[in-house]
């Protein structure tokens, strides 16, 4: 397990369980499920939602199967904290260093408390060991989370259904005979080997040390604070060069943790560049076969570089990494869609689960310090 940061602070999770005394008649007339986002999500006060409060129109825009939900960051939208069906806490950040309201002093037996985070254990700064028997559900990137919260999803073009990520995705077999003349022409115009965008340099995965070792063999341009090149953050120009200039994009994660795959992979997959991934995930759960190159599947840097050089020498083989684009598409992930549906599917009278030791579930044996590939 990766050692946690020593800056964690004690949290407060004491509360008193009270009976749910809400007016049952009014609840039947209004079948909305109300979700309160109790804390900030980092510096995003509205959790990157388009407004302080969103309702059925928001869920309809994402084609959610159930749209009868209201999500809000407004603590006073309903009269009491116990009136909300679910209360979501961002556990990535330290609650002590924010304007966060105090933990509710009361809750009802049917209320769902949700621990939410998109960051891996080494960057989880809330002290979960103080939250025994506090959370009912988790909302995170891990496939064993109660509600899946990923950076993106991959849908089938034919069915429109989500394929990734799941524990056992049913991908189509990749087309070994795939050929695309227009992509071949585009590929043959590429003039640079590889690129990385990185501004966090001292990472648990030691990814910059990995890049420095690769640079002894091939050209790798690094944009951001970890390199010598710069471009405007979120600028389309940064990503346009992936189509025109580079053969490979290094989607290297800052931690080697189970299921931890960020926008680095999905952003590059939207372009016509082959991503080289480096992380602790089983990427077969996240992307179609033969759509990426997993550096962890090579025994050494020289073996990896030799394969990259082979693809540059054989562009017809390189282009086969784009076979999947006619079968799948990448979309923005929407966790509240799944959370809404799960709330509506709660069986009446069923005992609500809770995590007796959420710290163990989240931290133990989820991350690795040593990569499989030697460098």
Protein backbone atom coordinates (compact mmCIF):
# COMPACT_ATOMS: atom_id res chain seq x y z
CA UNK A 1 0.00 0.00 0.00
CA UNK A 2 1.28 3.48 -0.80
CA UNK A 3 2.00 5.47 2.34
CA UNK A 4 -0.53 8.20 3.02
CA UNK A 5 0.42 11.83 3.35
CA UNK A 6 1.12 12.85 6.96
CA UNK A 7 -1.02 16.00 6.67
CA UNK A 8 -4.31 14.23 7.40
CA UNK A 9 -6.51 15.78 10.06
CA UNK A 10 -9.05 14.25 12.41
CA UNK A 11 -12.59 14.28 11.09
CA UNK A 12 -15.84 14.43 12.99
CA UNK A 13 -18.53 11.93 12.11
CA UNK A 14 -20.71 11.86 15.21
CA UNK A 15 -24.45 12.03 14.69
CA UNK A 16 -27.73 10.95 16.27
CA UNK A 17 -30.09 8.63 14.44
CA UNK A 18 -33.68 9.88 14.44
CA UNK A 19 -36.91 8.53 13.01
CA UNK A 20 -37.90 9.65 9.53
CA UNK A 21 -40.90 11.82 10.38
CA UNK A 22 -41.40 13.37 6.94
CA UNK A 23 -44.94 13.68 5.67
CA UNK A 24 -45.52 10.43 3.77
CA UNK A 25 -48.40 11.88 1.78
CA UNK A 26 -46.26 14.74 0.46
CA UNK A 27 -43.48 12.29 -0.40
CA UNK A 28 -45.88 10.24 -2.49
CA UNK A 29 -47.03 13.32 -4.39
CA UNK A 30 -43.45 14.33 -5.12
CA UNK A 31 -41.43 11.31 -6.23
CA UNK A 32 -38.18 13.24 -6.65
CA UNK A 33 -35.12 12.03 -4.82
CA UNK A 34 -33.17 14.91 -3.29
CA UNK A 35 -29.37 14.75 -3.26
CA UNK A 36 -27.41 17.25 -1.17
CA UNK A 37 -23.75 17.83 -2.07
CA UNK A 38 -22.70 18.64 1.47
CA UNK A 39 -19.10 19.70 0.87
CA UNK A 40 -17.19 21.38 -1.91
CA UNK A 41 -15.55 19.34 -4.64
CA UNK A 42 -12.08 20.90 -4.33
CA UNK A 43 -12.55 24.54 -5.41
CA UNK A 44 -15.68 23.77 -7.44
CA UNK A 45 -18.53 24.90 -5.17
CA UNK A 46 -21.17 23.40 -7.48
CA UNK A 47 -19.21 20.23 -8.23
CA UNK A 48 -18.89 21.38 -11.88
CA UNK A 49 -22.68 21.26 -12.29
CA UNK A 50 -24.21 24.02 -14.46
CA UNK A 51 -26.09 25.52 -11.49
CA UNK A 52 -26.44 25.40 -7.72
CA UNK A 53 -29.49 23.16 -8.14
CA UNK A 54 -30.30 20.89 -11.09
CA UNK A 55 -33.36 18.74 -11.71
CA UNK A 56 -35.09 16.62 -14.33
CA UNK A 57 -33.87 18.72 -17.29
CA UNK A 58 -30.30 18.00 -16.30
CA UNK A 59 -30.90 14.25 -16.12
CA UNK A 60 -32.86 14.31 -19.37
CA UNK A 61 -29.90 15.98 -21.09
CA UNK A 62 -27.76 12.97 -20.15
CA UNK A 63 -30.41 10.47 -21.25
CA UNK A 64 -30.60 9.03 -17.76
CA UNK A 65 -33.07 6.14 -17.35
CA UNK A 66 -34.61 7.90 -14.32
CA UNK A 67 -34.89 11.70 -14.23
CA UNK A 68 -36.82 12.31 -11.03
CA UNK A 69 -33.96 13.66 -8.96
CA UNK A 70 -32.78 17.01 -7.68
CA UNK A 71 -29.09 17.65 -6.97
CA UNK A 72 -28.11 20.73 -5.00
CA UNK A 73 -25.28 22.37 -3.09
CA UNK A 74 -27.80 24.61 -1.32
CA UNK A 75 -28.09 23.36 2.26
CA UNK A 76 -31.32 25.32 2.70
CA UNK A 77 -33.19 24.03 -0.34
CA UNK A 78 -35.11 21.72 1.99
CA UNK A 79 -36.07 22.59 5.53
CA UNK A 80 -33.86 20.07 7.34
CA UNK A 81 -30.75 18.03 6.48
CA UNK A 82 -32.75 14.89 7.28
CA UNK A 83 -35.15 15.68 4.43
CA UNK A 84 -32.57 14.71 1.79
CA UNK A 85 -32.53 11.18 0.43
CA UNK A 86 -28.76 11.22 -0.06
CA UNK A 87 -25.98 13.38 1.33
CA UNK A 88 -22.69 13.36 -0.60
CA UNK A 89 -19.32 14.17 0.98
CA UNK A 90 -16.15 14.73 -1.02
CA UNK A 91 -13.51 12.75 0.87
CA UNK A 92 -10.56 13.69 -1.31
CA UNK A 93 -10.05 17.04 0.40
CA UNK A 94 -9.39 17.98 4.02
CA UNK A 95 -12.66 19.19 5.44
CA UNK A 96 -10.90 21.25 8.12
CA UNK A 97 -9.41 23.73 5.65
CA UNK A 98 -12.63 24.81 3.97
CA UNK A 99 -15.86 26.65 4.68
CA UNK A 100 -17.66 23.32 5.00
CA UNK A 101 -20.62 23.19 7.35
CA UNK A 102 -20.35 20.97 10.37
CA UNK A 103 -21.38 17.36 9.98
CA UNK A 104 -25.15 16.95 10.47
CA UNK A 105 -25.99 16.17 14.07
CA UNK A 106 -28.90 13.92 13.09
CA UNK A 107 -29.78 11.55 10.27
CA UNK A 108 -32.57 9.10 9.47
CA UNK A 109 -32.27 5.32 8.98
CA UNK A 110 -33.25 5.61 5.30
CA UNK A 111 -30.82 8.42 4.51
CA UNK A 112 -27.84 7.50 2.33
CA UNK A 113 -24.47 9.04 3.16
CA UNK A 114 -22.09 8.84 0.19
CA UNK A 115 -18.28 9.06 0.22
CA UNK A 116 -17.20 10.51 -3.13
CA UNK A 117 -13.76 10.95 -4.67
CA UNK A 118 -12.02 10.81 -8.03
CA UNK A 119 -8.53 10.80 -6.55
CA UNK A 120 -6.50 7.69 -5.59
CA UNK A 121 -5.61 6.76 -1.99
CA UNK A 122 -2.29 8.67 -1.90
CA UNK A 123 -4.26 11.86 -2.65
CA UNK A 124 -7.14 11.18 -0.27
CA UNK A 125 -6.61 13.78 2.45
CA UNK A 126 -9.66 13.12 4.61
CA UNK A 127 -9.01 10.76 7.50
CA UNK A 128 -11.39 7.90 6.75
CA UNK A 129 -10.46 5.92 9.84
CA UNK A 130 -12.59 8.38 11.83
CA UNK A 131 -15.63 7.52 9.71
CA UNK A 132 -16.44 4.00 10.84
CA UNK A 133 -20.11 3.12 10.30
CA UNK A 134 -20.69 6.57 8.77
CA UNK A 135 -20.97 6.03 5.02
CA UNK A 136 -23.56 3.84 3.30
CA UNK A 137 -22.26 4.07 -0.26
CA UNK A 138 -19.12 4.97 -2.14
CA UNK A 139 -18.97 6.99 -5.37
CA UNK A 140 -15.55 6.58 -6.94
CA UNK A 141 -13.57 5.36 -9.96
CA UNK A 142 -13.13 1.83 -8.64
CA UNK A 143 -15.29 -0.83 -10.25
CA UNK A 144 -16.39 -2.11 -6.83
CA UNK A 145 -17.81 1.29 -5.87
CA UNK A 146 -21.52 1.50 -5.20
CA UNK A 147 -21.79 4.33 -7.74
CA UNK A 148 -19.23 4.55 -10.52
CA UNK A 149 -17.55 7.94 -10.94
CA UNK A 150 -15.04 7.90 -13.76
CA UNK A 151 -13.41 10.50 -15.98
CA UNK A 152 -15.22 9.20 -19.06
CA UNK A 153 -17.28 6.30 -20.37
CA UNK A 154 -17.10 4.31 -23.58
CA UNK A 155 -20.41 3.54 -25.28
CA UNK A 156 -21.28 1.14 -28.06
CA UNK A 157 -22.20 3.02 -31.24
CA UNK A 158 -24.66 0.29 -32.17
CA UNK A 159 -26.56 -0.01 -28.87
CA UNK A 160 -25.74 3.25 -27.11
CA UNK A 161 -25.03 1.26 -23.96
CA UNK A 162 -22.06 1.74 -21.66
CA UNK A 163 -19.35 -0.85 -22.15
CA UNK A 164 -16.56 0.59 -20.00
CA UNK A 165 -15.70 0.47 -17.44
CA UNK A 166 -16.98 -2.69 -15.86
CA UNK A 167 -15.48 -5.75 -14.24
CA UNK A 168 -15.90 -7.82 -17.40
CA UNK A 169 -16.62 -5.62 -20.44
CA UNK A 170 -17.74 -7.37 -23.60
CA UNK A 171 -15.50 -5.78 -26.23
CA UNK A 172 -15.64 -6.70 -29.88
CA UNK A 173 -12.52 -8.58 -31.05
CA UNK A 174 -10.18 -6.13 -32.72
CA UNK A 175 -10.05 -6.18 -36.51
CA UNK A 176 -6.62 -7.47 -37.49
CA UNK A 177 -7.35 -6.75 -41.16
CA UNK A 178 -8.34 -3.12 -40.51
CA UNK A 179 -7.02 -0.62 -43.04
CA UNK A 180 -7.83 3.05 -43.56
CA UNK A 181 -6.12 4.91 -46.38
CA UNK A 182 -6.95 8.41 -45.11
CA UNK A 183 -5.48 7.56 -41.71
CA UNK A 184 -2.42 6.12 -43.39
CA UNK A 185 -1.87 9.42 -45.18
CA UNK A 186 -2.33 11.33 -41.92
CA UNK A 187 0.05 9.01 -40.10
CA UNK A 188 2.82 9.25 -42.68
CA UNK A 189 2.86 13.03 -42.19
CA UNK A 190 3.66 12.71 -38.47
CA UNK A 191 7.18 13.93 -37.69
CA UNK A 192 7.61 13.57 -33.90
CA UNK A 193 7.77 10.43 -31.81
CA UNK A 194 6.04 11.01 -28.47
CA UNK A 195 4.58 13.71 -26.23
CA UNK A 196 3.51 14.08 -22.62
CA UNK A 197 1.47 16.79 -20.86
CA UNK A 198 2.49 16.95 -17.19
CA UNK A 199 2.65 19.58 -14.47
CA UNK A 200 2.85 17.33 -11.39
CA UNK A 201 6.42 16.10 -11.47
CA UNK A 202 7.15 14.49 -8.10
CA UNK A 203 4.64 11.64 -8.20
CA UNK A 204 4.17 8.31 -6.47
CA UNK A 205 4.51 6.48 -9.77
CA UNK A 206 7.81 8.22 -10.60
CA UNK A 207 6.48 8.79 -14.08
CA UNK A 208 8.90 11.64 -14.87
CA UNK A 209 11.85 9.42 -14.03
CA UNK A 210 10.33 6.88 -16.42
CA UNK A 211 10.04 9.52 -19.15
CA UNK A 212 13.64 10.65 -18.60
CA UNK A 213 14.83 7.09 -19.09
CA UNK A 214 12.80 6.74 -22.30
CA UNK A 215 14.27 10.00 -23.60
CA UNK A 216 17.66 8.29 -23.71
CA UNK A 217 16.28 6.22 -26.61
CA UNK A 218 13.69 8.39 -28.42
CA UNK A 219 12.42 11.95 -28.62
CA UNK A 220 9.73 12.75 -26.03
CA UNK A 221 8.41 16.31 -25.90
CA UNK A 222 7.04 17.30 -22.48
CA UNK A 223 4.53 20.15 -22.18
CA UNK A 224 3.84 21.73 -18.80
CA UNK A 225 5.83 22.36 -15.63
CA UNK A 226 7.64 19.02 -15.99
CA UNK A 227 9.06 19.91 -19.40
CA UNK A 228 10.38 22.71 -21.55
CA UNK A 229 7.32 23.30 -23.73
CA UNK A 230 4.11 25.18 -22.93
CA UNK A 231 0.64 25.75 -24.27
CA UNK A 232 -2.54 27.22 -22.88
CA UNK A 233 -4.33 24.87 -20.51
CA UNK A 234 -7.40 23.25 -22.09
CA UNK A 235 -6.44 24.82 -25.43
CA UNK A 236 -7.52 22.87 -28.51
CA UNK A 237 -4.16 23.72 -30.05
CA UNK A 238 -2.44 21.54 -27.46
CA UNK A 239 -4.43 18.51 -28.52
CA UNK A 240 -4.48 19.26 -32.26
CA UNK A 241 -0.77 18.43 -32.46
CA UNK A 242 -1.61 14.89 -31.37
CA UNK A 243 -3.31 14.36 -34.73
CA UNK A 244 -0.77 16.10 -36.89
CA UNK A 245 2.64 15.77 -35.23
CA UNK A 246 2.98 12.87 -32.81
CA UNK A 247 2.88 9.11 -33.12
CA UNK A 248 2.41 8.41 -29.41
CA UNK A 249 0.92 10.13 -26.38
CA UNK A 250 2.24 9.15 -22.94
CA UNK A 251 -0.82 8.78 -20.68
CA UNK A 252 1.18 8.17 -17.52
CA UNK A 253 -0.68 8.26 -14.18
CA UNK A 254 0.66 9.83 -11.00
CA UNK A 255 -0.19 6.73 -8.93
CA UNK A 256 -0.16 3.01 -9.68
CA UNK A 257 -3.54 2.19 -8.14
CA UNK A 258 -6.29 -0.32 -8.91
CA UNK A 259 -8.74 1.01 -11.53
CA UNK A 260 -7.17 4.49 -11.49
CA UNK A 261 -7.40 5.78 -15.07
CA UNK A 262 -7.76 9.51 -15.70
CA UNK A 263 -8.60 11.85 -18.56
CA UNK A 264 -5.08 11.39 -19.94
CA UNK A 265 -6.19 8.17 -21.63
CA UNK A 266 -9.61 9.31 -22.81
CA UNK A 267 -8.45 12.70 -24.09
CA UNK A 268 -5.83 11.09 -26.30
CA UNK A 269 -8.22 8.38 -27.51
CA UNK A 270 -10.45 11.08 -28.98
CA UNK A 271 -7.56 12.02 -31.26
CA UNK A 272 -5.61 10.05 -33.87
CA UNK A 273 -2.61 9.26 -31.72
CA UNK A 274 -1.82 5.97 -29.99
CA UNK A 275 -1.77 6.31 -26.18
CA UNK A 276 0.97 4.58 -24.23
CA UNK A 277 -0.46 3.99 -20.75
CA UNK A 278 1.39 3.57 -17.46
CA UNK A 279 -0.69 2.90 -14.37
CA UNK A 280 -1.90 0.32 -11.90
CA UNK A 281 -5.16 -0.52 -13.66
CA UNK A 282 -6.13 -3.48 -15.78
CA UNK A 283 -6.70 -1.42 -18.91
CA UNK A 284 -8.72 -4.19 -20.52
CA UNK A 285 -11.61 -2.98 -18.37
CA UNK A 286 -11.32 0.58 -19.63
CA UNK A 287 -10.60 0.58 -23.34
CA UNK A 288 -11.12 -1.68 -26.37
CA UNK A 289 -8.40 -4.19 -27.19
CA UNK A 290 -5.63 -2.85 -29.41
CA UNK A 291 -6.55 0.79 -28.77
CA UNK A 292 -3.58 1.53 -26.48
CA UNK A 293 -0.10 0.26 -25.58
CA UNK A 294 0.39 -0.75 -21.94
CA UNK A 295 3.96 0.00 -20.85
CA UNK A 296 3.55 -2.38 -17.91
CA UNK A 297 3.30 -5.30 -20.35
CA UNK A 298 6.94 -4.80 -21.38
CA UNK A 299 9.86 -6.05 -19.34
CA UNK A 300 12.17 -3.13 -20.09
CA UNK A 301 12.33 0.31 -21.66
CA UNK A 302 14.38 -0.98 -24.57
CA UNK A 303 11.69 -3.57 -25.35
CA UNK A 304 8.98 -0.90 -25.24
CA UNK A 305 10.96 1.48 -27.44
CA UNK A 306 11.68 -1.29 -29.91
CA UNK A 307 7.95 -1.88 -30.34
CA UNK A 308 7.22 1.83 -30.77
CA UNK A 309 9.90 2.00 -33.45
CA UNK A 310 8.37 -1.02 -35.18
CA UNK A 311 5.01 0.76 -35.44
CA UNK A 312 6.64 3.89 -36.85
CA UNK A 313 8.39 1.75 -39.45
CA UNK A 314 5.09 0.01 -40.30
CA UNK A 315 2.36 2.67 -40.38
CA UNK A 316 -0.18 0.14 -41.69
CA UNK A 317 0.20 -1.66 -38.34
CA UNK A 318 0.04 1.60 -36.40
CA UNK A 319 -3.28 2.52 -38.02
CA UNK A 320 -4.85 -0.71 -36.76
CA UNK A 321 -4.90 0.88 -33.30
CA UNK A 322 -7.84 2.98 -34.52
CA UNK A 323 -10.10 0.11 -35.57
CA UNK A 324 -12.37 0.69 -32.57
CA UNK A 325 -13.47 4.22 -33.52
CA UNK A 326 -16.21 2.95 -35.84
CA UNK A 327 -17.69 0.81 -33.04
CA UNK A 328 -17.35 2.91 -29.88
CA UNK A 329 -17.50 6.52 -28.74
CA UNK A 330 -16.20 8.30 -25.64
CA UNK A 331 -18.58 10.44 -23.59
CA UNK A 332 -18.38 12.47 -20.41
CA UNK A 333 -19.19 10.43 -17.31
CA UNK A 334 -22.24 11.41 -15.27
CA UNK A 335 -22.24 9.78 -11.80
CA UNK A 336 -25.43 11.46 -10.59
CA UNK A 337 -27.34 9.58 -13.27
CA UNK A 338 -26.39 6.29 -11.61
CA UNK A 339 -26.85 7.70 -8.11
CA UNK A 340 -30.37 8.85 -8.97
CA UNK A 341 -31.30 5.46 -10.40
CA UNK A 342 -29.85 3.61 -7.41
CA UNK A 343 -31.83 5.76 -4.98
CA UNK A 344 -35.07 5.01 -6.82
CA UNK A 345 -34.32 1.28 -6.81
CA UNK A 346 -33.91 0.97 -3.06
CA UNK A 347 -36.24 -1.83 -1.88
CA UNK A 348 -38.74 -0.73 0.78
CA UNK A 349 -37.96 -2.03 4.22
CA UNK A 350 -34.50 -3.33 3.30
CA UNK A 351 -31.73 -2.66 5.79
CA UNK A 352 -29.35 0.00 4.44
CA UNK A 353 -25.73 -1.14 4.23
CA UNK A 354 -22.90 0.81 5.77
CA UNK A 355 -19.11 0.59 5.70
CA UNK A 356 -17.84 -0.56 9.07
CA UNK A 357 -14.24 0.25 8.08
CA UNK A 358 -14.15 2.37 4.95
CA UNK A 359 -10.47 3.18 5.50
CA UNK A 360 -9.53 -0.47 4.96
CA UNK A 361 -11.73 -0.72 1.88
CA UNK A 362 -10.21 2.37 0.31
CA UNK A 363 -6.53 2.14 1.24
CA UNK A 364 -5.46 -1.45 1.84
CA UNK A 365 -3.54 -3.06 -1.04
CA UNK A 366 -5.00 -0.67 -3.61
CA UNK A 367 -1.76 0.92 -4.78
CA UNK A 368 1.72 -0.27 -5.69
CA UNK A 369 5.01 1.51 -5.30
CA UNK A 370 7.03 -0.53 -7.76
CA UNK A 371 6.10 -0.74 -11.45
CA UNK A 372 6.28 -3.98 -13.41
CA UNK A 373 8.47 -2.48 -16.11
CA UNK A 374 12.07 -1.88 -15.04
CA UNK A 375 13.55 1.61 -15.24
